[in-house]
Amino acid sequence: MDKIIIKDLIARGIIGINDWERENAQEILINLTIFADTRKAAATDDIEHSVNYRTVAKKVLAHAEKSAHLTVEALAEDIAQICLQEPHAKKVIVQVEKPGAVRFVDSVGVQIKRKRAK
């Protein structure tokens, strides 16, 4: 299976369980690996036969900036479902991180894998 990669998408949104996290938007780092068969897109040179990474990135960014989840787990699940709504997406790996959320580390977060329901 081929991979479409969206690396280091940065959103600013409300996420977290602490009061101060609910008041101010913070940086959310999102990485996506979307699995799809891209052979037809390659043969025809037509994006309609693949996953349009620009469209996906815009949908994910808009959702992350308006959703205001308490946990990165909930946001990651939403993002996975957004990706799997793309007609050619078969599976997705979603990583959502909060840079600077914990002292002495670059970031903390979660990585999930989801497949399209058959």
Protein backbone atom coordinates (compact mmCIF):
# COMPACT_ATOMS: atom_id res chain seq x y z
CA MET A 1 0.00 0.00 0.00
CA ASP A 2 1.29 3.47 -0.89
CA LYS A 3 1.54 6.34 1.58
CA ILE A 4 0.50 9.97 1.36
CA ILE A 5 2.36 11.93 4.02
CA ILE A 6 1.41 15.22 5.64
CA LYS A 7 4.24 16.20 7.94
CA ASP A 8 4.32 18.81 10.71
CA LEU A 9 0.96 20.49 10.13
CA ILE A 10 0.75 23.18 12.82
CA ALA A 11 -2.62 24.24 14.17
CA ARG A 12 -3.45 26.64 16.98
CA GLY A 13 -6.36 25.51 19.07
CA ILE A 14 -7.84 24.89 22.48
CA ILE A 15 -6.79 21.50 23.81
CA GLY A 16 -6.11 20.27 27.32
CA ILE A 17 -7.63 19.56 30.70
CA ASN A 18 -6.17 22.46 32.69
CA ASP A 19 -8.02 25.75 33.11
CA TRP A 20 -5.20 27.73 31.50
CA GLU A 21 -5.27 25.40 28.48
CA ARG A 22 -8.97 26.13 27.98
CA GLU A 23 -8.37 29.90 27.84
CA ASN A 24 -5.68 30.31 25.20
CA ALA A 25 -5.03 28.55 21.92
CA GLN A 26 -1.81 26.58 21.85
CA GLU A 27 0.26 24.94 19.17
CA ILE A 28 -0.85 21.48 18.05
CA LEU A 29 1.49 19.47 15.83
CA ILE A 30 -0.17 16.96 13.50
CA ASN A 31 1.43 14.28 11.32
CA LEU A 32 -0.53 12.03 8.99
CA THR A 33 0.29 8.95 6.97
CA ILE A 34 -2.61 8.01 4.73
CA PHE A 35 -2.47 4.63 3.01
CA ALA A 36 -3.96 4.39 -0.48
CA ASP A 37 -3.33 2.72 -3.80
CA THR A 38 -1.86 5.51 -5.94
CA ARG A 39 -1.14 3.45 -9.07
CA LYS A 40 -4.14 4.75 -11.03
CA ALA A 41 -3.30 8.35 -10.11
CA ALA A 42 0.27 7.74 -11.29
CA ALA A 43 -0.85 6.13 -14.55
CA THR A 44 -3.40 8.84 -15.38
CA ASP A 45 -1.64 11.81 -13.72
CA ASP A 46 -5.05 12.66 -12.23
CA ILE A 47 -5.43 13.61 -8.54
CA GLU A 48 -9.02 12.34 -8.60
CA HIS A 49 -7.56 8.84 -8.32
CA SER A 50 -5.62 9.58 -5.14
CA VAL A 51 -5.95 11.42 -1.84
CA ASN A 52 -5.62 15.17 -2.29
CA TYR A 53 -3.25 16.14 0.53
CA ARG A 54 -4.10 19.84 0.22
CA THR A 55 -7.80 19.15 0.79
CA VAL A 56 -7.09 16.83 3.72
CA ALA A 57 -4.68 19.29 5.33
CA LYS A 58 -7.23 22.11 5.10
CA LYS A 59 -10.01 19.97 6.64
CA VAL A 60 -7.76 18.74 9.46
CA LEU A 61 -6.44 22.22 10.21
CA ALA A 62 -9.94 23.72 10.33
CA HIS A 63 -11.16 20.98 12.64
CA ALA A 64 -8.17 21.15 15.00
CA GLU A 65 -8.53 24.91 15.35
CA LYS A 66 -12.24 24.84 16.21
CA SER A 67 -12.79 21.55 18.09
CA ALA A 68 -11.58 22.46 21.63
CA HIS A 69 -11.08 18.87 22.84
CA LEU A 70 -9.85 18.01 26.31
CA THR A 71 -7.53 15.24 25.09
CA VAL A 72 -5.20 14.70 22.16
CA GLU A 73 -6.71 11.21 21.94
CA ALA A 74 -10.14 12.64 21.05
CA LEU A 75 -8.66 15.04 18.50
CA ALA A 76 -6.61 12.24 16.92
CA GLU A 77 -9.73 10.09 16.56
CA ASP A 78 -11.62 12.93 14.86
CA ILE A 79 -8.72 13.51 12.48
CA ALA A 80 -8.53 9.81 11.62
CA GLN A 81 -12.22 9.83 10.70
CA ILE A 82 -11.75 12.95 8.55
CA CYS A 83 -8.94 11.20 6.65
CA LEU A 84 -10.91 7.98 6.19
CA GLN A 85 -13.78 9.93 4.61
CA GLU A 86 -11.52 10.43 1.59
CA PRO A 87 -12.66 7.92 -1.05
CA HIS A 88 -9.21 6.42 -1.72
CA ALA A 89 -7.94 6.34 1.89
CA LYS A 90 -7.74 2.79 3.25
CA LYS A 91 -5.84 3.31 6.50
CA VAL A 92 -4.34 6.23 8.41
CA ILE A 93 -1.76 6.83 11.09
CA VAL A 94 -2.42 10.05 13.00
CA GLN A 95 0.04 11.62 15.42
CA VAL A 96 -1.08 14.61 17.48
CA GLU A 97 1.39 16.38 19.74
CA LYS A 98 1.41 19.33 22.11
CA PRO A 99 4.86 20.94 21.92
CA GLY A 100 6.06 22.35 25.23
CA ALA A 101 3.18 20.88 27.22
CA VAL A 102 5.48 19.17 29.72
CA ARG A 103 8.73 20.54 31.11
CA PHE A 104 11.97 19.04 29.84
CA VAL A 105 10.47 17.46 26.70
CA ASP A 106 9.97 18.78 23.18
CA SER A 107 6.40 17.54 22.98
CA VAL A 108 3.91 14.96 24.21
CA GLY A 109 1.16 13.31 22.24
CA VAL A 110 -0.48 10.23 20.86
CA GLN A 111 -0.25 8.15 17.70
CA ILE A 112 -3.20 6.07 16.50
CA LYS A 113 -3.85 3.76 13.54
CA ARG A 114 -7.30 3.36 12.03
CA LYS A 115 -8.63 1.44 9.01
CA ARG A 116 -11.65 2.06 6.85
CA ALA A 117 -14.60 -0.05 7.96
CA LYS A 118 -15.39 -2.64 5.31
